[in-house]
Amino acid sequence: MRDTAVVIGAGVVGLACARELARAGNEVLILEQHDAIGTETSARNSEVIHAGIYYPVGSLKAALCVRGKKLLYEFCKEYGVEHRPCGKLIVATSAAQEHQLETIKTKAHNNGVTDLTVISRAQAVALEPEVECTAALFSPSTGIIDSHGFMLALQGDAERHGAVLALRTPVERITKEDDHFTVITGGDAPASISATNVINAAGLHAATVASRITALPTLHVPKVRYAKGNYFSLAGKAPFIRLVYPLPEPGGLGVHYTLDLGGQGRFGPDVQWVDDIHYDVDASRSEKFYDHIRRYWPKLRDGALLPAYSGIRPKLVSAGEPDADFFIQGPAVHGVPGLINLFGIESPGLTSSLAIAEHILHTLDFANHPVSFTE
């Protein structure tokens, strides 16, 4: 008998999980409260394929980003998803900063990222003539991707293996009886759905969904905070063909330069802690960007930054606290067989998505079919 799985959330991680479960032979239903896939965090980010450089050694972010990058490049080639391994420069803008490049390189190497090279100012300028730095760290395996094309490919492959997507289907309550869940939905066609497994991949709303699972003790529902990042596009020709990042600073990676596959340059994000979900971009917030950007691109003209878009990340920490790791909460933590909650899945969630899905399938396989050893 096939197991049935309900995946809540049709962002990049939910779709990756649905695809992985369907390919393994499970019956899969994807529930999405909005009228389209990937309209929140998955669609409002820098579309960077991260290398796995900055994350704490031994963390899920480090392991799943490195594994996910490999899987993502393979997936893009197999399914024709537009992408480009353009590379990235992490720049020191003073001699006093240069020792940090070696520190970052060592941490990255311990995470399994072995292709980083510390380069001189002359070598950096040879790659990017308009960059200003004293030295840089070059990451050749960092890239960019069409995130919507990726999600469409995930959806298509999941559906080819039997998964079904239900849009405009919010989850109202989840109960647990013996060996199955009952998922009560609202929306256009309210329903009661029976499932063996429930994967809560609701992103910004994961904690809200978790609070509606009657079998889940409230102590296992974390408080999630919203960190909004604003992005500004560059009027005129893009100055770099690679990504350019300053050295990390408290609270984030600083105002960095990325570009999309069409060659549009953009800068961001800043960090703005908010209480609710809204995506307006305050043009005045660009004013503080100029000084930061001119440290590594002095030619930035006044008035060249235009409001582009914003995105919101689900955070498990408050302002000023160190970033938390991904929290993949399974039965070993909360004691509810068949349930996995995904909390705090922010950057590098897109890069890690296929590895997260792989990890969840293995977790469910072990939980549902535990291995026993006998003499």
Protein backbone atom coordinates (compact mmCIF):
# COMPACT_ATOMS: atom_id res chain seq x y z
CA MET A 1 0.00 0.00 0.00
CA ARG A 2 1.34 3.43 -0.95
CA ASP A 3 1.81 6.05 1.74
CA THR A 4 -0.10 9.28 1.29
CA ALA A 5 1.53 12.63 1.99
CA VAL A 6 0.11 16.12 2.24
CA VAL A 7 2.67 18.86 1.58
CA ILE A 8 1.54 22.27 2.82
CA GLY A 9 3.03 25.12 0.82
CA ALA A 10 3.92 25.32 -2.88
CA GLY A 11 7.06 27.38 -2.58
CA VAL A 12 10.38 26.04 -3.80
CA VAL A 13 10.92 23.80 -0.74
CA GLY A 14 7.36 22.45 -0.69
CA LEU A 15 7.50 21.64 -4.41
CA ALA A 16 10.90 19.97 -4.02
CA CYS A 17 9.55 17.85 -1.15
CA ALA A 18 6.44 16.91 -3.14
CA ARG A 19 8.56 15.88 -6.11
CA GLU A 20 10.90 13.77 -3.97
CA LEU A 21 8.02 12.01 -2.22
CA ALA A 22 6.15 11.38 -5.48
CA ARG A 23 9.25 10.00 -7.18
CA ALA A 24 9.62 7.60 -4.24
CA GLY A 25 6.16 6.18 -4.93
CA ASN A 26 4.01 8.12 -2.46
CA GLU A 27 0.64 9.61 -3.24
CA VAL A 28 1.17 13.35 -2.81
CA LEU A 29 -1.23 16.26 -2.47
CA ILE A 30 0.21 19.79 -2.36
CA LEU A 31 -1.93 22.41 -0.61
CA GLU A 32 -1.30 26.08 -1.37
CA GLN A 33 -3.36 28.91 0.11
CA HIS A 34 -2.58 31.38 -2.71
CA ASP A 35 -3.73 31.23 -6.33
CA ALA A 36 -0.26 30.43 -7.73
CA ILE A 37 2.92 28.63 -6.73
CA GLY A 38 5.87 30.39 -5.10
CA THR A 39 4.44 33.87 -4.57
CA GLU A 40 6.21 34.69 -1.30
CA THR A 41 9.79 34.03 -0.16
CA SER A 42 10.54 31.78 -3.14
CA ALA A 43 9.74 34.54 -5.63
CA ARG A 44 11.21 37.45 -3.68
CA ASN A 45 14.91 36.81 -3.29
CA SER A 46 18.16 37.42 -5.11
CA GLU A 47 17.96 34.13 -7.11
CA VAL A 48 21.51 33.26 -6.13
CA ILE A 49 22.83 29.71 -6.15
CA HIS A 50 24.93 29.86 -3.00
CA ALA A 51 28.17 27.95 -2.59
CA GLY A 52 27.83 27.26 1.17
CA ILE A 53 30.52 29.67 2.33
CA TYR A 54 29.30 31.48 5.43
CA TYR A 55 27.32 28.97 7.49
CA PRO A 56 28.52 27.44 10.76
CA VAL A 57 30.44 24.19 10.33
CA GLY A 58 28.21 21.22 11.12
CA SER A 59 24.98 23.16 10.59
CA LEU A 60 22.11 22.01 8.41
CA LYS A 61 22.50 25.20 6.40
CA ALA A 62 26.09 24.32 5.56
CA ALA A 63 25.51 20.65 4.76
CA LEU A 64 22.27 21.11 2.83
CA CYS A 65 23.54 24.13 0.89
CA VAL A 66 26.65 22.31 -0.33
CA ARG A 67 24.67 19.18 -1.21
CA GLY A 68 21.82 21.25 -2.63
CA LYS A 69 24.12 23.26 -4.91
CA LYS A 70 25.35 20.06 -6.54
CA LEU A 71 21.82 18.71 -6.96
CA LEU A 72 20.54 22.06 -8.23
CA TYR A 73 23.13 22.43 -10.99
CA GLU A 74 22.43 18.84 -12.07
CA PHE A 75 18.67 19.49 -12.04
CA CYS A 76 19.00 22.68 -14.09
CA LYS A 77 21.01 20.89 -16.76
CA GLU A 78 18.64 17.92 -16.90
CA TYR A 79 15.40 19.91 -16.98
CA GLY A 80 16.55 22.92 -18.98
CA VAL A 81 16.17 25.50 -16.20
CA GLU A 82 17.96 28.71 -17.10
CA HIS A 83 20.93 29.38 -14.83
CA ARG A 84 24.51 30.62 -14.94
CA PRO A 85 27.50 29.80 -12.71
CA CYS A 86 28.74 33.38 -12.95
CA GLY A 87 30.94 33.32 -9.84
CA LYS A 88 31.23 35.78 -6.98
CA LEU A 89 33.83 38.11 -5.49
CA ILE A 90 33.87 38.76 -1.75
CA VAL A 91 35.91 41.94 -1.44
CA ALA A 92 38.10 43.48 1.24
CA THR A 93 38.13 47.25 0.87
CA SER A 94 41.00 47.91 3.27
CA ALA A 95 44.17 46.10 4.27
CA ALA A 96 42.74 45.66 7.77
CA GLN A 97 39.96 43.48 6.34
CA GLU A 98 42.12 41.12 4.35
CA HIS A 99 42.69 38.58 7.12
CA GLN A 100 38.92 37.96 7.13
CA LEU A 101 39.16 36.51 3.63
CA GLU A 102 41.35 33.66 4.87
CA THR A 103 39.00 33.09 7.81
CA ILE A 104 36.03 32.81 5.46
CA LYS A 105 37.97 30.52 3.14
CA THR A 106 38.88 28.19 6.02
CA LYS A 107 35.27 28.00 7.25
CA ALA A 108 34.05 27.32 3.72
CA HIS A 109 36.65 24.57 3.25
CA ASN A 110 35.45 22.94 6.46
CA ASN A 111 31.93 23.03 5.01
CA GLY A 112 33.14 21.20 1.89
CA VAL A 113 33.55 24.26 -0.34
CA THR A 114 37.02 23.66 -1.72
CA ASP A 115 37.10 25.88 -4.81
CA LEU A 116 37.63 29.31 -3.19
CA THR A 117 40.72 31.34 -4.05
CA VAL A 118 42.12 34.45 -2.39
CA ILE A 119 43.15 36.82 -5.17
CA SER A 120 45.00 40.13 -5.28
CA ARG A 121 43.57 43.50 -6.18
CA ALA A 122 45.10 43.23 -9.64
CA GLN A 123 43.51 39.82 -10.20
CA ALA A 124 40.12 41.09 -8.98
CA VAL A 125 40.28 44.12 -11.28
CA ALA A 126 41.21 41.84 -14.17
CA LEU A 127 37.95 39.99 -13.56
CA GLU A 128 35.86 43.08 -12.79
CA PRO A 129 37.53 46.32 -13.95
CA GLU A 130 35.20 48.61 -11.98
CA VAL A 131 35.55 46.88 -8.61
CA GLU A 132 37.48 48.64 -5.83
CA CYS A 133 39.22 46.39 -3.30
CA THR A 134 42.58 45.54 -1.78
CA ALA A 135 42.04 41.76 -2.17
CA ALA A 136 39.14 39.40 -2.75
CA LEU A 137 37.91 35.86 -2.35
CA PHE A 138 36.69 34.31 -5.60
CA SER A 139 33.91 31.70 -5.57
CA PRO A 140 33.57 30.16 -9.04
CA SER A 141 30.62 27.89 -8.16
CA THR A 142 28.26 30.66 -7.01
CA GLY A 143 25.61 31.28 -9.64
CA ILE A 144 22.20 32.70 -10.51
CA ILE A 145 18.97 30.93 -11.50
CA ASP A 146 15.51 31.57 -12.87
CA SER A 147 13.68 30.73 -9.64
CA HIS A 148 10.22 30.64 -11.25
CA GLY A 149 11.47 28.37 -14.03
CA PHE A 150 12.92 26.11 -11.36
CA MET A 151 9.62 25.94 -9.49
CA LEU A 152 7.69 25.17 -12.68
CA ALA A 153 10.11 22.34 -13.43
CA LEU A 154 9.68 20.95 -9.90
CA GLN A 155 5.91 21.14 -10.21
CA GLY A 156 5.95 19.46 -13.62
CA ASP A 157 8.13 16.58 -12.47
CA ALA A 158 6.10 16.11 -9.29
CA GLU A 159 2.89 15.97 -11.34
CA ARG A 160 4.43 13.53 -13.83
CA HIS A 161 4.94 11.21 -10.87
CA GLY A 162 1.35 11.57 -9.71
CA ALA A 163 1.42 14.56 -7.34
CA VAL A 164 -1.64 16.82 -7.35
CA LEU A 165 -1.58 20.57 -6.65
CA ALA A 166 -4.56 22.27 -5.00
CA LEU A 167 -4.43 26.08 -5.13
CA ARG A 168 -6.55 28.43 -2.99
CA THR A 169 -6.68 25.70 -0.35
CA PRO A 170 -5.74 26.99 3.11
CA VAL A 171 -5.32 24.55 5.99
CA GLU A 172 -7.74 25.19 8.85
CA ARG A 173 -7.05 22.26 11.18
CA ILE A 174 -5.09 18.99 11.32
CA THR A 175 -6.03 16.16 13.65
CA LYS A 176 -4.31 12.83 14.29
CA GLU A 177 -6.15 9.54 14.73
CA ASP A 178 -4.15 6.35 15.17
CA ASP A 179 -1.95 6.00 12.07
CA HIS A 180 -3.31 8.85 9.94
CA PHE A 181 -3.93 12.59 9.89
CA THR A 182 -7.11 14.37 8.88
CA VAL A 183 -6.39 17.67 7.17
CA ILE A 184 -9.34 20.06 7.12
CA THR A 185 -9.11 22.72 4.41
CA GLY A 186 -11.10 25.81 3.53
CA GLY A 187 -11.05 27.93 0.39
CA ASP A 188 -13.03 27.34 -2.79
CA ALA A 189 -13.73 23.68 -2.08
CA PRO A 190 -13.49 22.82 1.65
CA ALA A 191 -12.44 19.23 2.21
CA SER A 192 -11.34 16.62 4.72
CA ILE A 193 -8.20 14.81 3.58
CA SER A 194 -6.66 11.66 5.09
CA ALA A 195 -2.87 11.34 5.01
CA THR A 196 -0.15 9.13 6.44
CA ASN A 197 2.40 11.96 6.45
CA VAL A 198 2.15 15.74 6.68
CA ILE A 199 5.00 18.02 5.59
CA ASN A 200 4.52 21.59 6.81
CA ALA A 201 6.51 23.65 4.30
CA ALA A 202 4.38 26.77 4.65
CA GLY A 203 7.33 29.18 4.86
CA LEU A 204 6.24 32.45 6.45
CA HIS A 205 3.12 30.69 7.74
CA ALA A 206 4.71 27.46 9.01
CA ALA A 207 4.26 28.36 12.68
CA THR A 208 0.61 29.30 12.07
CA VAL A 209 -0.01 25.96 10.37
CA ALA A 210 1.78 24.14 13.19
CA SER A 211 -0.50 25.83 15.74
CA ARG A 212 -3.46 24.21 13.95
CA ILE A 213 -2.14 20.67 14.42
CA THR A 214 -4.07 19.44 17.45
CA ALA A 215 -1.63 16.62 18.23
CA LEU A 216 1.38 18.94 18.33
CA PRO A 217 2.19 20.29 21.82
CA THR A 218 2.30 24.09 21.79
CA LEU A 219 5.85 24.05 23.18
CA HIS A 220 6.94 22.78 19.75
CA VAL A 221 5.50 25.79 17.91
CA PRO A 222 8.24 28.45 17.74
CA LYS A 223 7.72 32.17 17.49
CA VAL A 224 8.62 33.29 13.98
CA ARG A 225 9.68 36.86 13.22
CA TYR A 226 9.71 38.59 9.86
CA ALA A 227 12.85 40.20 8.41
CA LYS A 228 12.09 42.25 5.32
CA GLY A 229 14.81 42.98 2.79
CA ASN A 230 14.49 45.73 0.19
CA TYR A 231 16.19 45.52 -3.20
CA PHE A 232 17.02 48.37 -5.57
CA SER A 233 17.73 48.04 -9.27
CA LEU A 234 20.44 49.98 -11.03
CA ALA A 235 19.53 52.48 -13.72
CA GLY A 236 21.88 52.00 -16.64
CA LYS A 237 24.39 49.36 -17.61
CA ALA A 238 25.36 46.76 -15.02
CA PRO A 239 28.93 47.35 -13.78
CA PHE A 240 29.82 43.70 -13.08
CA ILE A 241 29.18 40.34 -14.73
CA ARG A 242 29.79 38.49 -11.47
CA LEU A 243 28.23 38.91 -8.06
CA VAL A 244 30.10 41.24 -5.71
CA TYR A 245 29.71 41.01 -1.92
CA PRO A 246 31.36 43.05 0.82
CA LEU A 247 32.62 41.23 3.88
CA PRO A 248 29.80 40.02 6.14
CA GLU A 249 28.60 42.39 8.84
CA PRO A 250 26.51 41.84 11.99
CA GLY A 251 22.97 40.88 10.98
CA GLY A 252 23.71 39.88 7.39
CA LEU A 253 25.98 39.87 4.37
CA GLY A 254 25.89 43.61 3.78
CA VAL A 255 24.55 45.46 0.74
CA HIS A 256 25.73 43.31 -2.12
CA TYR A 257 25.47 43.33 -5.89
CA THR A 258 23.62 40.65 -7.81
CA LEU A 259 22.21 40.47 -11.29
CA ASP A 260 19.48 38.54 -13.00
CA LEU A 261 19.78 36.37 -16.08
CA GLY A 262 18.74 39.31 -18.23
CA GLY A 263 21.74 41.31 -17.02
CA GLN A 264 19.85 43.73 -14.76
CA GLY A 265 22.04 44.79 -11.84
CA ARG A 266 20.56 45.21 -8.37
CA PHE A 267 21.68 45.90 -4.84
CA GLY A 268 20.34 44.73 -1.50
CA PRO A 269 19.01 43.75 0.82
CA ASP A 270 18.80 45.89 3.88
CA VAL A 271 17.14 44.34 6.94
CA GLN A 272 13.89 45.75 8.24
CA TRP A 273 12.09 43.88 11.03
CA VAL A 274 8.33 43.97 10.45
CA ASP A 275 5.24 42.66 12.22
CA ASP A 276 3.17 41.81 9.17
CA ILE A 277 3.64 40.81 5.55
CA HIS A 278 3.78 43.69 3.10
CA TYR A 279 6.01 44.23 0.09
CA ASP A 280 6.06 47.97 -0.52
CA VAL A 281 9.56 49.42 -1.01
CA ASP A 282 10.32 52.77 0.60
CA ALA A 283 12.50 54.62 -1.93
CA SER A 284 14.15 56.63 0.83
CA ARG A 285 15.78 53.49 2.22
CA SER A 286 18.18 53.53 -0.73
CA GLU A 287 19.91 56.60 0.72
CA LYS A 288 21.96 54.53 3.14
CA PHE A 289 22.96 52.11 0.35
CA TYR A 290 25.13 54.60 -1.53
CA ASP A 291 27.99 54.85 0.98
CA HIS A 292 28.09 51.06 1.43
CA ILE A 293 28.15 50.36 -2.31
CA ARG A 294 30.75 53.03 -3.12
CA ARG A 295 33.26 51.23 -0.92
CA TYR A 296 33.54 48.60 -3.64
CA TRP A 297 32.06 50.52 -6.62
CA PRO A 298 33.05 54.18 -6.38
CA LYS A 299 31.46 55.04 -9.74
CA LEU A 300 27.88 54.69 -8.47
CA ARG A 301 26.02 57.84 -9.51
CA ASP A 302 23.66 59.73 -7.25
CA GLY A 303 20.06 58.81 -8.02
CA ALA A 304 20.99 55.60 -9.86
CA LEU A 305 19.17 53.26 -7.44
CA LEU A 306 15.51 52.61 -8.18
CA PRO A 307 13.01 50.71 -5.96
CA ALA A 308 12.74 47.13 -7.28
CA TYR A 309 11.12 44.65 -4.90
CA SER A 310 11.22 43.32 -1.36
CA GLY A 311 11.20 39.91 0.24
CA ILE A 312 10.49 38.60 3.73
CA ARG A 313 12.35 35.84 5.53
CA PRO A 314 10.95 33.76 8.40
CA LYS A 315 13.40 34.18 11.28
CA LEU A 316 13.67 32.13 14.47
CA VAL A 317 15.69 34.87 16.18
CA SER A 318 15.17 38.51 17.06
CA ALA A 319 17.07 41.54 15.78
CA GLY A 320 20.69 41.53 16.93
CA GLU A 321 20.84 37.78 17.63
CA PRO A 322 23.00 35.36 15.62
CA ASP A 323 21.17 33.66 12.76
CA ALA A 324 19.51 30.35 13.59
CA ASP A 325 19.98 27.15 11.65
CA PHE A 326 17.24 25.54 9.57
CA PHE A 327 14.84 23.81 11.97
CA ILE A 328 13.59 20.56 10.42
CA GLN A 329 11.39 19.32 13.23
CA GLY A 330 10.46 15.64 13.00
CA PRO A 331 8.97 12.94 15.21
CA ALA A 332 12.22 12.55 17.15
CA VAL A 333 11.63 16.08 18.49
CA HIS A 334 7.86 16.46 18.83
CA GLY A 335 6.76 12.82 19.11
CA VAL A 336 4.07 12.92 16.39
CA PRO A 337 4.73 10.12 13.86
CA GLY A 338 4.50 11.16 10.22
CA LEU A 339 4.74 14.91 10.85
CA ILE A 340 7.60 17.16 9.74
CA ASN A 341 7.59 20.92 10.32
CA LEU A 342 10.01 23.16 8.46
CA PHE A 343 10.73 26.32 10.44
CA GLY A 344 13.08 29.19 9.62
CA ILE A 345 13.72 28.08 6.05
CA GLU A 346 15.31 31.22 4.67
CA SER A 347 18.52 31.73 2.71
CA PRO A 348 20.02 29.43 1.46
CA GLY A 349 16.63 27.72 1.16
CA LEU A 350 16.39 27.92 -2.63
CA THR A 351 19.87 26.45 -3.11
CA SER A 352 19.22 23.82 -0.44
CA SER A 353 15.71 22.86 -1.57
CA LEU A 354 16.52 19.58 -3.31
CA ALA A 355 18.78 18.51 -0.45
CA ILE A 356 16.09 19.43 2.10
CA ALA A 357 13.65 17.24 0.17
CA GLU A 358 16.14 14.38 0.11
CA HIS A 359 16.71 14.80 3.86
CA ILE A 360 12.97 14.71 4.59
CA LEU A 361 12.39 11.59 2.51
CA HIS A 362 15.13 9.79 4.43
CA THR A 363 13.69 11.01 7.75
CA LEU A 364 10.21 9.73 6.86
CA ASP A 365 11.52 6.43 5.49
CA PHE A 366 13.34 5.80 8.76
CA ALA A 367 10.41 6.91 10.93
CA ASN A 368 7.76 4.97 8.99
CA HIS A 369 9.89 1.88 8.34
CA PRO A 370 12.48 1.72 11.15
CA VAL A 371 15.40 -0.62 10.74
CA SER A 372 15.73 -3.31 13.44
CA PHE A 373 18.87 -5.26 14.14
CA THR A 374 18.88 -8.81 15.49
CA GLU A 375 21.68 -11.13 16.51
